[in-house]
Amino acid sequence: MWVPPDQSKGFGRRDFRDLIVRARIQLGGPIVLVWDNVRMHLTKPLREFIDANAQWHSTGRT
């Protein structure tokens, strides 16, 4: 897929958030997230989202 030079080629924090929410909706239950040490996974906004929604997921770090 072609991406204009002024746009990111990877997932942003909103993309990760939306992916996690959609996975939960589609699967219909709790999910398990396994994070690596990619900087995006460690950002404050994404950590706050993960912490605020802890009732429907489990997280682990590699």
Protein backbone atom coordinates (compact mmCIF):
# COMPACT_ATOMS: atom_id res chain seq x y z
CA MET A 1 0.00 0.00 0.00
CA TRP A 2 1.32 3.43 -0.89
CA VAL A 3 1.60 5.90 1.98
CA PRO A 4 2.21 9.61 1.35
CA PRO A 5 5.63 10.72 2.67
CA ASP A 6 4.07 13.04 5.26
CA GLN A 7 2.08 10.21 6.91
CA SER A 8 3.21 7.50 9.30
CA LYS A 9 3.63 3.98 7.93
CA GLY A 10 2.98 2.31 11.27
CA PHE A 11 0.30 2.11 13.93
CA GLY A 12 -0.23 5.10 16.18
CA ARG A 13 -1.64 4.97 19.70
CA ARG A 14 -5.19 5.51 18.44
CA ASP A 15 -4.72 2.66 15.96
CA PHE A 16 -3.63 0.33 18.78
CA ARG A 17 -6.52 1.49 20.97
CA ASP A 18 -9.03 0.92 18.17
CA LEU A 19 -7.55 -2.49 17.36
CA ILE A 20 -7.82 -3.58 21.00
CA VAL A 21 -11.42 -2.34 21.30
CA ARG A 22 -12.47 -3.99 18.04
CA ALA A 23 -10.82 -7.28 19.03
CA ARG A 24 -12.77 -7.30 22.27
CA ILE A 25 -16.05 -6.51 20.49
CA GLN A 26 -15.48 -9.12 17.80
CA LEU A 27 -14.35 -11.83 20.23
CA GLY A 28 -17.10 -11.00 22.71
CA GLY A 29 -15.08 -11.42 25.86
CA PRO A 30 -11.88 -10.71 27.73
CA ILE A 31 -8.64 -10.64 25.78
CA VAL A 32 -4.97 -11.12 26.64
CA LEU A 33 -2.48 -8.49 25.48
CA VAL A 34 1.21 -9.32 25.26
CA TRP A 35 3.37 -6.23 24.91
CA ASP A 36 6.95 -6.11 23.77
CA ASN A 37 9.17 -3.10 24.34
CA VAL A 38 8.10 -1.08 21.31
CA ARG A 39 8.02 2.57 22.36
CA MET A 40 4.39 2.96 21.29
CA HIS A 41 3.33 0.31 23.81
CA LEU A 42 5.01 2.25 26.61
CA THR A 43 3.53 5.70 25.95
CA LYS A 44 1.54 7.36 28.70
CA PRO A 45 -1.74 7.70 26.72
CA LEU A 46 -1.73 4.01 25.73
CA ARG A 47 -0.80 2.92 29.28
CA GLU A 48 -3.66 5.05 30.64
CA PHE A 49 -6.07 3.42 28.18
CA ILE A 50 -4.86 -0.05 29.18
CA ASP A 51 -5.14 0.75 32.89
CA ALA A 52 -8.60 2.30 32.50
CA ASN A 53 -9.91 -0.82 30.74
CA ALA A 54 -8.28 -3.49 32.88
CA GLN A 55 -11.64 -5.10 33.67
CA TRP A 56 -11.81 -6.75 30.24
CA HIS A 57 -8.23 -7.71 29.51
CA SER A 58 -5.04 -9.13 30.96
CA THR A 59 -1.64 -7.82 30.00
CA GLY A 60 1.80 -9.33 30.01
CA ARG A 61 5.19 -8.07 28.88
CA THR A 62 7.87 -9.95 27.02
